[in-house]
Amino acid sequence: MSAATTRSRTPDRLCAEAVDLARAAAEEAAAPGVVGEYEGLVSEGDRVVTHFFACRELGYRGWRWAVTVARASRAKIVTVDEAVLLPGPDALLAPEWVPWSERLRPGDMGPGDLLPTDAEDLRLEPGYSGEDEPAPNSTVSAELAELVEAEDAEVAGVAPADLTIAPARGSIASVAEELGMRRARVLSRYGLHIAADRWEEGFGAKTPMAQAAPAACVSCGFLMSIGGSLGQAFGVCANEFSPADGRVVSLSYGCGGHSEAAVMPKPPQPPAPVIDETRVDPFPLRPVPDSGSVPATEDAASAELGHS
C-alpha cells in the first residue's frame, strides 16, 4: 500500500472538524428543519471530506444530505465544494426504469393507442414491394428505361411507378399480392416461432383444459383451418361455448365442447300397437245382470243392512 493511498483514507483533521460549516451549507440548500442529526463522514481524498446529515423530508426515508468540504494545500480555511441529497444504504428508491417497449404486455393497448414497430424488429423481415425489373439480357437497358419513365412522367404528370395501377395478371407482383407478401415487411422465421410458442402456451396440450378434455381439437368439427406453415399445427376454434372461441388453438388442445365428445341419447320410442284381426271381442251394450258385486236378488240379510 502506497503512502498516497494511506493518506487519502485518513480524513483531514481540519476538514473533519468542519461539521458546523457542512450543516450550514446543508440547511442553506434544504428547507428549514429538514436537515437532521449528524451521521458521520467519509474521506474522499487528500484534504477532501464528505459529511452526512439525516434527511427529515417526507418521502425520502433513508436519504441523507451529503456536504463535501475541502481545503487547499497548506491552507487553514476549509471551503464547501457541494451539498447534495443522496440515498443511503437503506433508502427508499424508485424501481429501475424500464423502457416502454419492455414494459408493454399483451392486452395493454386500448382504443386509439399506437404501437410503433422498431425498424430492426426481429419478428419481421422485408417483404416483396418492388416492381418487375427487366431481365439482365433484356433489350430495354437501364438508361432507356429511365428515359421512358421521364417521358411518361411528362405526359401523365407522375412517374408510372407512383401510379396506383393493379399489377398485370401473372406478373411477379400480382403473384406476390395474392400470396400476401406484397407488404413492406412480413413475419420472419423468428416471429413465427415466438408466435407459435405463445399460442402453444395459452391453448396447447399442456394446459389443464386440454389435459381433462375427452379428445383433441384435431378431430373436432368446430376447428377452422388456417393457411401458411402454422396451419400444420394450429387452427381457430369456432365453438361459441368453448373457452377458446375465436382463438388460435393448437391441434393438440381440447376442451369439453368437442363436437364428438358426447352424443345426445335419443328418447325411447314406444312399440307400435299390435292389432289382432283374426277374432272379434264381444262388447255388450248393457251389462250382464250377474256381473256386479251385489246380486240382483234380495235376501233377508242384505235387506236388513239397507242394500237395495
Protein backbone atom coordinates (compact mmCIF):
# COMPACT_ATOMS: atom_id res chain seq x y z
CA MET A 1 0.00 0.00 0.00
CA SER A 2 1.48 3.33 -1.02
CA ALA A 3 1.73 6.39 1.17
CA ALA A 4 -0.72 8.27 -1.04
CA THR A 5 -3.36 5.59 -0.52
CA THR A 6 -2.90 5.64 3.26
CA ARG A 7 -3.03 9.41 3.31
CA SER A 8 -6.25 9.51 1.24
CA ARG A 9 -8.08 7.12 3.59
CA THR A 10 -7.23 9.17 6.66
CA PRO A 11 -9.63 12.12 6.99
CA ASP A 12 -8.06 15.53 7.08
CA ARG A 13 -8.30 16.96 10.61
CA LEU A 14 -9.47 20.44 9.68
CA CYS A 15 -11.99 19.10 7.16
CA ALA A 16 -13.28 16.53 9.65
CA GLU A 17 -13.82 19.25 12.26
CA ALA A 18 -15.84 21.44 9.86
CA VAL A 19 -19.18 19.88 10.88
CA ASP A 20 -20.87 23.20 11.60
CA LEU A 21 -19.79 24.56 8.23
CA ALA A 22 -21.19 21.48 6.50
CA ARG A 23 -24.51 21.73 8.41
CA ALA A 24 -24.88 25.37 7.50
CA ALA A 25 -24.35 24.51 3.84
CA ALA A 26 -26.92 21.70 4.03
CA GLU A 27 -29.50 23.93 5.72
CA GLU A 28 -28.92 26.59 3.09
CA ALA A 29 -29.59 24.06 0.31
CA ALA A 30 -32.58 22.46 2.06
CA ALA A 31 -35.70 23.81 3.71
CA PRO A 32 -35.62 24.78 7.39
CA GLY A 33 -35.99 21.83 9.75
CA VAL A 34 -35.23 19.24 7.07
CA VAL A 35 -31.59 18.59 7.98
CA GLY A 36 -31.44 16.06 10.81
CA GLU A 37 -28.76 14.62 13.05
CA TYR A 38 -25.16 14.12 12.05
CA GLU A 39 -24.40 10.63 10.62
CA GLY A 40 -20.63 10.65 10.17
CA LEU A 41 -18.12 11.38 7.48
CA VAL A 42 -16.02 9.71 4.81
CA SER A 43 -12.69 10.68 3.33
CA GLU A 44 -12.83 11.30 -0.42
CA GLY A 45 -9.13 12.01 -0.89
CA ASP A 46 -6.35 14.31 0.28
CA ARG A 47 -7.98 17.15 2.27
CA VAL A 48 -11.46 16.23 0.93
CA VAL A 49 -14.14 15.02 3.37
CA THR A 50 -17.88 14.43 2.95
CA HIS A 51 -20.18 14.93 5.96
CA PHE A 52 -23.60 13.23 6.13
CA PHE A 53 -26.78 14.53 7.81
CA ALA A 54 -30.10 12.73 8.09
CA CYS A 55 -32.98 13.96 5.93
CA ARG A 56 -36.33 14.58 7.61
CA GLU A 57 -38.16 15.31 4.36
CA LEU A 58 -41.33 13.23 3.98
CA GLY A 59 -41.00 10.65 1.25
CA TYR A 60 -37.19 10.48 1.49
CA ARG A 61 -36.79 7.72 4.04
CA GLY A 62 -33.17 6.63 4.34
CA TRP A 63 -31.82 9.59 2.35
CA ARG A 64 -29.19 11.94 3.73
CA TRP A 65 -27.61 15.28 2.96
CA ALA A 66 -24.01 14.96 1.79
CA VAL A 67 -21.81 18.03 2.09
CA THR A 68 -18.28 17.81 0.71
CA VAL A 69 -15.66 20.20 2.15
CA ALA A 70 -12.02 20.64 1.18
CA ARG A 71 -9.03 22.85 1.76
CA ALA A 72 -6.03 23.74 -0.33
CA SER A 73 -2.55 22.52 0.42
CA ARG A 74 -1.03 24.37 3.41
CA ALA A 75 -4.26 26.37 3.81
CA LYS A 76 -6.11 26.72 7.11
CA ILE A 77 -9.51 27.66 5.67
CA VAL A 78 -11.99 24.92 4.79
CA THR A 79 -14.42 25.61 1.95
CA VAL A 80 -17.62 23.88 0.76
CA ASP A 81 -17.48 22.04 -2.55
CA GLU A 82 -21.09 20.84 -2.90
CA ALA A 83 -24.19 19.92 -0.94
CA VAL A 84 -26.48 17.25 -2.39
CA LEU A 85 -29.19 14.86 -1.27
CA LEU A 86 -28.09 11.23 -1.75
CA PRO A 87 -29.73 7.87 -0.94
CA GLY A 88 -28.33 5.96 1.99
CA PRO A 89 -27.81 2.19 2.31
CA ASP A 90 -31.46 1.59 3.33
CA ALA A 91 -33.01 4.42 1.32
CA LEU A 92 -36.41 4.10 -0.30
CA LEU A 93 -35.69 4.16 -4.05
CA ALA A 94 -37.85 4.08 -7.12
CA PRO A 95 -37.72 0.87 -9.18
CA GLU A 96 -35.24 0.71 -12.00
CA TRP A 97 -36.55 2.42 -15.11
CA VAL A 98 -37.61 0.03 -17.84
CA PRO A 99 -38.24 1.22 -21.44
CA TRP A 100 -41.87 1.24 -22.51
CA SER A 101 -41.15 -1.35 -25.19
CA GLU A 102 -40.16 -3.82 -22.44
CA ARG A 103 -42.97 -2.84 -20.05
CA LEU A 104 -45.70 -3.38 -22.64
CA ARG A 105 -47.65 -6.60 -22.25
CA PRO A 106 -50.33 -8.24 -24.42
CA GLY A 107 -53.68 -6.63 -23.75
CA ASP A 108 -52.28 -3.25 -22.65
CA MET A 109 -53.27 -1.46 -25.84
CA GLY A 110 -56.60 0.34 -25.87
CA PRO A 111 -58.69 2.22 -28.43
CA GLY A 112 -56.66 4.99 -30.03
CA ASP A 113 -53.27 3.69 -28.85
CA LEU A 114 -50.46 3.45 -31.40
CA LEU A 115 -47.65 0.92 -31.10
CA PRO A 116 -44.68 1.84 -33.30
CA THR A 117 -42.60 -1.08 -34.52
CA ASP A 118 -38.84 -0.93 -34.41
CA ALA A 119 -37.15 -0.87 -37.79
CA GLU A 120 -34.89 -3.72 -36.62
CA ASP A 121 -37.67 -5.83 -35.11
CA LEU A 122 -36.55 -9.46 -35.26
CA ARG A 123 -40.13 -10.62 -35.70
CA LEU A 124 -40.33 -9.04 -39.16
CA GLU A 125 -38.36 -9.26 -42.36
CA PRO A 126 -38.56 -7.30 -45.61
CA GLY A 127 -41.34 -8.33 -47.96
CA TYR A 128 -41.63 -8.03 -51.73
CA SER A 129 -42.56 -4.43 -52.52
CA GLY A 130 -40.66 -3.72 -55.75
CA GLU A 131 -41.87 -3.83 -59.31
CA ASP A 132 -40.81 -6.23 -62.04
CA GLU A 133 -37.39 -5.30 -63.32
CA PRO A 134 -36.17 -6.06 -66.83
CA ALA A 135 -34.01 -9.13 -67.13
CA PRO A 136 -30.24 -8.60 -67.34
CA ASN A 137 -30.26 -9.61 -71.03
CA SER A 138 -33.34 -7.54 -71.88
CA THR A 139 -33.31 -5.27 -74.92
CA VAL A 140 -34.55 -2.45 -72.70
CA SER A 141 -31.46 -1.09 -70.99
CA ALA A 142 -31.45 0.78 -67.72
CA GLU A 143 -30.78 4.11 -69.46
CA LEU A 144 -33.67 3.57 -71.86
CA ALA A 145 -35.97 2.57 -69.03
CA GLU A 146 -35.15 5.82 -67.22
CA LEU A 147 -35.88 7.78 -70.43
CA VAL A 148 -39.23 6.05 -70.81
CA GLU A 149 -40.06 6.86 -67.21
CA ALA A 150 -39.23 10.53 -67.79
CA GLU A 151 -41.32 10.74 -70.99
CA ASP A 152 -44.30 9.09 -69.32
CA ALA A 153 -43.99 11.48 -66.39
CA GLU A 154 -44.26 14.45 -68.73
CA VAL A 155 -47.49 13.09 -70.19
CA ALA A 156 -49.15 11.76 -67.04
CA GLY A 157 -47.71 14.27 -64.58
CA VAL A 158 -46.38 11.47 -62.36
CA ALA A 159 -43.98 8.60 -62.79
CA PRO A 160 -45.57 5.25 -63.71
CA ALA A 161 -44.08 3.69 -60.58
CA ASP A 162 -46.13 6.10 -58.48
CA LEU A 163 -49.43 5.30 -60.20
CA THR A 164 -51.83 3.10 -58.25
CA ILE A 165 -52.37 0.57 -61.01
CA ALA A 166 -53.15 -3.05 -60.30
CA PRO A 167 -50.31 -5.32 -61.40
CA ALA A 168 -50.80 -7.34 -64.55
CA ARG A 169 -52.21 -10.82 -64.13
CA GLY A 170 -49.45 -13.41 -63.98
CA SER A 171 -46.65 -10.99 -63.12
CA ILE A 172 -44.42 -11.44 -60.12
CA ALA A 173 -46.09 -8.51 -58.40
CA SER A 174 -49.57 -9.99 -58.87
CA VAL A 175 -48.47 -13.36 -57.53
CA ALA A 176 -46.84 -11.69 -54.53
CA GLU A 177 -50.02 -9.73 -53.90
CA GLU A 178 -52.15 -12.87 -53.99
CA LEU A 179 -49.82 -14.58 -51.53
CA GLY A 180 -50.00 -11.63 -49.16
CA MET A 181 -46.29 -10.87 -49.48
CA ARG A 182 -46.52 -7.53 -51.21
CA ARG A 183 -46.03 -5.64 -47.97
CA ALA A 184 -43.17 -3.62 -46.59
CA ARG A 185 -42.40 -6.35 -44.02
CA VAL A 186 -43.66 -9.85 -43.30
CA LEU A 187 -43.22 -12.26 -40.43
CA SER A 188 -39.76 -13.71 -40.10
CA ARG A 189 -38.99 -17.25 -39.01
CA TYR A 190 -38.22 -15.92 -35.55
CA GLY A 191 -41.58 -14.13 -35.46
CA LEU A 192 -43.35 -17.35 -36.44
CA HIS A 193 -41.56 -19.31 -33.73
CA ILE A 194 -42.35 -16.93 -30.87
CA ALA A 195 -45.98 -16.68 -32.02
CA ALA A 196 -46.25 -20.47 -32.06
CA ASP A 197 -44.71 -20.72 -28.59
CA ARG A 198 -47.12 -18.10 -27.25
CA TRP A 199 -50.17 -19.84 -28.72
CA GLU A 200 -48.97 -23.24 -27.54
CA GLU A 201 -48.56 -21.92 -24.01
CA GLY A 202 -52.05 -20.40 -23.90
CA PHE A 203 -54.02 -23.06 -25.79
CA GLY A 204 -51.79 -26.08 -26.06
CA ALA A 205 -51.64 -29.67 -24.92
CA LYS A 206 -50.09 -28.87 -21.53
CA THR A 207 -52.94 -26.66 -20.31
CA PRO A 208 -55.29 -28.02 -17.61
CA MET A 209 -58.23 -27.75 -20.00
CA ALA A 210 -56.53 -29.91 -22.60
CA GLN A 211 -55.44 -32.47 -20.00
CA ALA A 212 -59.07 -33.01 -18.95
CA ALA A 213 -60.55 -32.90 -22.47
CA PRO A 214 -62.09 -36.05 -23.94
CA ALA A 215 -60.40 -35.52 -27.34
CA ALA A 216 -58.07 -33.14 -29.17
CA CYS A 217 -59.03 -30.29 -31.48
CA VAL A 218 -57.60 -32.09 -34.49
CA SER A 219 -60.73 -34.27 -34.56
CA CYS A 220 -63.22 -31.54 -33.61
CA GLY A 221 -65.75 -30.30 -36.13
CA PHE A 222 -65.57 -26.74 -34.76
CA LEU A 223 -61.91 -26.35 -35.75
CA MET A 224 -61.27 -23.97 -38.65
CA SER A 225 -58.02 -24.45 -40.52
CA ILE A 226 -55.61 -21.59 -41.20
CA GLY A 227 -53.18 -21.11 -44.05
CA GLY A 228 -49.43 -20.93 -44.03
CA SER A 229 -46.90 -23.09 -42.28
CA LEU A 230 -48.61 -22.59 -38.91
CA GLY A 231 -51.73 -24.31 -40.28
CA GLN A 232 -49.98 -27.64 -39.78
CA ALA A 233 -50.08 -27.20 -36.00
CA PHE A 234 -52.79 -24.61 -35.26
CA GLY A 235 -56.35 -23.69 -36.13
CA VAL A 236 -59.14 -21.35 -35.00
CA CYS A 237 -61.90 -22.50 -32.63
CA ALA A 238 -65.43 -21.70 -33.80
CA ASN A 239 -67.41 -23.14 -30.88
CA GLU A 240 -69.20 -20.31 -29.07
CA PHE A 241 -69.41 -22.36 -25.87
CA SER A 242 -65.69 -23.14 -25.80
CA PRO A 243 -63.27 -21.05 -23.70
CA ALA A 244 -61.12 -20.76 -26.84
CA ASP A 245 -63.84 -19.40 -29.12
CA GLY A 246 -62.23 -17.19 -31.77
CA ARG A 247 -58.71 -18.03 -30.54
CA VAL A 248 -55.83 -19.71 -32.32
CA VAL A 249 -55.52 -23.15 -30.69
CA SER A 250 -53.06 -25.97 -31.06
CA LEU A 251 -54.29 -29.10 -32.79
CA SER A 252 -53.40 -30.97 -29.60
CA TYR A 253 -55.57 -28.66 -27.47
CA GLY A 254 -59.00 -29.78 -26.35
CA CYS A 255 -61.97 -28.86 -24.19
CA GLY A 256 -65.33 -30.21 -23.10
CA GLY A 257 -67.02 -28.64 -26.10
CA HIS A 258 -65.58 -31.17 -28.55
CA SER A 259 -68.04 -31.90 -31.34
CA GLU A 260 -67.77 -35.66 -30.79
CA ALA A 261 -67.31 -35.66 -27.04
CA ALA A 262 -70.89 -36.73 -26.25
CA VAL A 263 -73.86 -37.67 -28.42
CA MET A 264 -77.30 -36.83 -27.05
CA PRO A 265 -79.25 -40.07 -26.49
CA LYS A 266 -82.48 -40.41 -28.43
CA PRO A 267 -85.68 -40.66 -26.35
CA PRO A 268 -87.12 -44.22 -26.25
CA GLN A 269 -89.88 -44.80 -28.75
CA PRO A 270 -92.92 -46.82 -27.59
CA PRO A 271 -93.53 -50.00 -29.58
CA ALA A 272 -96.16 -49.94 -32.28
CA PRO A 273 -99.56 -51.27 -31.17
CA VAL A 274 -100.37 -54.86 -32.17
CA ILE A 275 -103.87 -55.33 -33.62
CA ASP A 276 -105.24 -58.87 -33.81
CA GLU A 277 -107.77 -59.02 -36.62
CA THR A 278 -108.37 -62.80 -36.53
CA ARG A 279 -111.08 -62.77 -33.85
CA VAL A 280 -113.87 -60.50 -32.61
CA ASP A 281 -114.25 -59.42 -28.99
CA PRO A 282 -117.94 -59.02 -27.94
CA PHE A 283 -118.85 -55.72 -26.33
CA PRO A 284 -122.44 -55.93 -24.87
CA LEU A 285 -124.47 -52.76 -24.91
CA ARG A 286 -125.92 -53.50 -21.48
CA PRO A 287 -124.19 -55.10 -18.50
CA VAL A 288 -124.94 -58.69 -17.61
CA PRO A 289 -127.25 -58.92 -14.55
CA ASP A 290 -124.81 -61.02 -12.56
CA SER A 291 -121.71 -59.06 -13.49
CA GLY A 292 -121.84 -56.70 -10.46
CA SER A 293 -120.57 -57.30 -6.92
CA VAL A 294 -124.07 -57.12 -5.46
CA PRO A 295 -126.54 -59.83 -6.52
CA ALA A 296 -129.62 -58.64 -8.30
CA THR A 297 -131.96 -60.73 -6.00
CA GLU A 298 -132.61 -59.56 -2.47
CA ASP A 299 -132.21 -61.77 0.54
CA ALA A 300 -133.13 -61.17 4.13
CA ALA A 301 -129.54 -60.41 5.23
CA SER A 302 -128.95 -57.73 2.65
CA ALA A 303 -132.36 -56.17 3.25
CA GLU A 304 -131.53 -55.67 6.94
CA LEU A 305 -128.25 -53.95 6.04
CA GLY A 306 -130.06 -51.46 3.88
CA HIS A 307 -128.98 -52.80 0.49
CA SER A 308 -131.49 -52.30 -2.27
